[in-house]
Amino acid sequence: MYKKEVYSIGEASEFANVSHWEFSQLLKKYKIHVNYDTEEFEHDLKMIFWK
């Protein structure tokens, strides 16, 4: 569902009952592209007070 962009990485990792880090490693293992756009990047920057 993550690959089809139905779930976000957070939703998918929660569904799989693994941490975000573990889910990211699974994506890498199975050569699944990480969906991460500019809007998500800007949100992350705000969350760590870079903006």
N, C-alpha and C. Protein backbone atom coordinates (compact mmCIF):
# COMPACT_ATOMS: atom_id res chain seq x y z
N MET A 1 0.83 -1.19 0.00
CA MET A 1 0.00 0.00 0.00
C MET A 1 0.88 1.26 0.00
N TYR A 2 2.06 1.15 0.61
CA TYR A 2 2.98 2.29 0.58
C TYR A 2 3.45 2.54 -0.85
N LYS A 3 3.82 1.49 -1.53
CA LYS A 3 4.32 1.60 -2.90
C LYS A 3 3.27 2.22 -3.82
N LYS A 4 1.99 1.93 -3.57
CA LYS A 4 0.91 2.48 -4.36
C LYS A 4 0.48 3.86 -3.87
N GLU A 5 1.19 4.39 -2.87
CA GLU A 5 0.95 5.71 -2.28
C GLU A 5 -0.42 5.83 -1.62
N VAL A 6 -0.91 4.70 -1.10
CA VAL A 6 -2.15 4.71 -0.33
C VAL A 6 -1.83 5.06 1.12
N TYR A 7 -0.72 4.53 1.63
CA TYR A 7 -0.26 4.81 3.00
C TYR A 7 0.99 5.68 2.97
N SER A 8 1.10 6.54 3.95
CA SER A 8 2.35 7.28 4.14
C SER A 8 3.36 6.33 4.77
N ILE A 9 4.60 6.77 4.87
CA ILE A 9 5.62 5.91 5.50
C ILE A 9 5.27 5.67 6.96
N GLY A 10 4.72 6.68 7.62
CA GLY A 10 4.32 6.51 9.02
C GLY A 10 3.18 5.52 9.17
N GLU A 11 2.18 5.64 8.31
CA GLU A 11 1.05 4.72 8.35
C GLU A 11 1.49 3.30 8.01
N ALA A 12 2.34 3.17 7.02
CA ALA A 12 2.80 1.85 6.60
C ALA A 12 3.65 1.19 7.67
N SER A 13 4.53 1.95 8.31
CA SER A 13 5.36 1.36 9.36
C SER A 13 4.51 0.97 10.56
N GLU A 14 3.49 1.78 10.86
CA GLU A 14 2.58 1.42 11.95
C GLU A 14 1.80 0.15 11.59
N PHE A 15 1.30 0.07 10.37
CA PHE A 15 0.57 -1.10 9.92
C PHE A 15 1.45 -2.36 9.99
N ALA A 16 2.72 -2.20 9.62
CA ALA A 16 3.66 -3.33 9.64
C ALA A 16 4.19 -3.61 11.04
N ASN A 17 3.85 -2.73 11.99
CA ASN A 17 4.27 -2.88 13.38
C ASN A 17 5.80 -2.86 13.53
N VAL A 18 6.42 -1.94 12.79
CA VAL A 18 7.88 -1.74 12.89
C VAL A 18 8.14 -0.24 13.00
N SER A 19 9.33 0.12 13.42
CA SER A 19 9.70 1.53 13.51
C SER A 19 9.87 2.12 12.11
N HIS A 20 9.89 3.47 12.05
CA HIS A 20 10.14 4.13 10.76
C HIS A 20 11.49 3.68 10.20
N TRP A 21 12.49 3.58 11.07
CA TRP A 21 13.82 3.17 10.64
C TRP A 21 13.78 1.76 10.04
N GLU A 22 13.12 0.82 10.73
CA GLU A 22 13.04 -0.54 10.22
C GLU A 22 12.28 -0.59 8.89
N PHE A 23 11.21 0.21 8.79
CA PHE A 23 10.45 0.24 7.55
C PHE A 23 11.30 0.78 6.41
N SER A 24 12.07 1.82 6.70
CA SER A 24 12.96 2.39 5.68
C SER A 24 13.97 1.36 5.20
N GLN A 25 14.47 0.56 6.13
CA GLN A 25 15.42 -0.49 5.76
C GLN A 25 14.75 -1.56 4.90
N LEU A 26 13.48 -1.87 5.19
CA LEU A 26 12.75 -2.83 4.36
C LEU A 26 12.54 -2.29 2.95
N LEU A 27 12.25 -0.99 2.85
CA LEU A 27 12.09 -0.38 1.53
C LEU A 27 13.39 -0.52 0.73
N LYS A 28 14.48 -0.25 1.41
CA LYS A 28 15.79 -0.37 0.75
C LYS A 28 16.05 -1.81 0.32
N LYS A 29 15.77 -2.74 1.22
CA LYS A 29 15.99 -4.16 0.93
C LYS A 29 15.22 -4.61 -0.30
N TYR A 30 13.98 -4.16 -0.42
CA TYR A 30 13.13 -4.58 -1.53
C TYR A 30 13.13 -3.59 -2.70
N LYS A 31 14.08 -2.64 -2.65
CA LYS A 31 14.30 -1.67 -3.72
C LYS A 31 13.02 -0.91 -4.08
N ILE A 32 12.33 -0.44 -3.03
CA ILE A 32 11.12 0.36 -3.20
C ILE A 32 11.49 1.81 -2.98
N HIS A 33 11.16 2.65 -3.94
CA HIS A 33 11.47 4.07 -3.89
C HIS A 33 10.76 4.73 -2.72
N VAL A 34 11.48 5.59 -1.99
CA VAL A 34 10.89 6.33 -0.89
C VAL A 34 10.17 7.55 -1.45
N ASN A 35 8.89 7.69 -1.13
CA ASN A 35 8.09 8.83 -1.56
C ASN A 35 8.33 9.98 -0.58
N TYR A 36 9.07 10.97 -1.02
CA TYR A 36 9.41 12.08 -0.14
C TYR A 36 9.51 13.32 -1.02
N ASP A 37 8.47 14.16 -0.95
CA ASP A 37 8.44 15.32 -1.83
C ASP A 37 8.86 16.60 -1.11
N THR A 38 8.88 17.69 -1.83
CA THR A 38 9.30 18.98 -1.29
C THR A 38 8.45 19.41 -0.11
N GLU A 39 7.16 19.20 -0.20
CA GLU A 39 6.25 19.59 0.89
C GLU A 39 6.59 18.83 2.18
N GLU A 40 6.87 17.55 2.07
CA GLU A 40 7.25 16.76 3.25
C GLU A 40 8.59 17.24 3.80
N PHE A 41 9.52 17.57 2.92
CA PHE A 41 10.82 18.06 3.35
C PHE A 41 10.68 19.38 4.12
N GLU A 42 9.88 20.30 3.58
CA GLU A 42 9.67 21.58 4.27
C GLU A 42 8.99 21.37 5.62
N HIS A 43 8.06 20.45 5.68
CA HIS A 43 7.41 20.14 6.94
C HIS A 43 8.43 19.62 7.95
N ASP A 44 9.29 18.71 7.51
CA ASP A 44 10.32 18.17 8.40
C ASP A 44 11.26 19.27 8.89
N LEU A 45 11.62 20.19 8.02
CA LEU A 45 12.48 21.29 8.43
C LEU A 45 11.81 22.14 9.51
N LYS A 46 10.55 22.41 9.34
CA LYS A 46 9.81 23.18 10.35
C LYS A 46 9.80 22.43 11.67
N MET A 47 9.65 21.13 11.61
CA MET A 47 9.57 20.33 12.81
C MET A 47 10.87 20.34 13.60
N ILE A 48 11.97 20.55 12.93
CA ILE A 48 13.27 20.60 13.65
C ILE A 48 13.78 22.03 13.76
N PHE A 49 12.87 22.98 13.55
CA PHE A 49 13.13 24.41 13.76
C PHE A 49 14.22 24.97 12.86
N TRP A 50 14.30 24.54 11.64
CA TRP A 50 15.28 25.09 10.71
C TRP A 50 14.73 26.24 9.91
N LYS A 51 13.46 26.45 9.99
CA LYS A 51 12.88 27.51 9.20
C LYS A 51 12.44 28.64 10.09
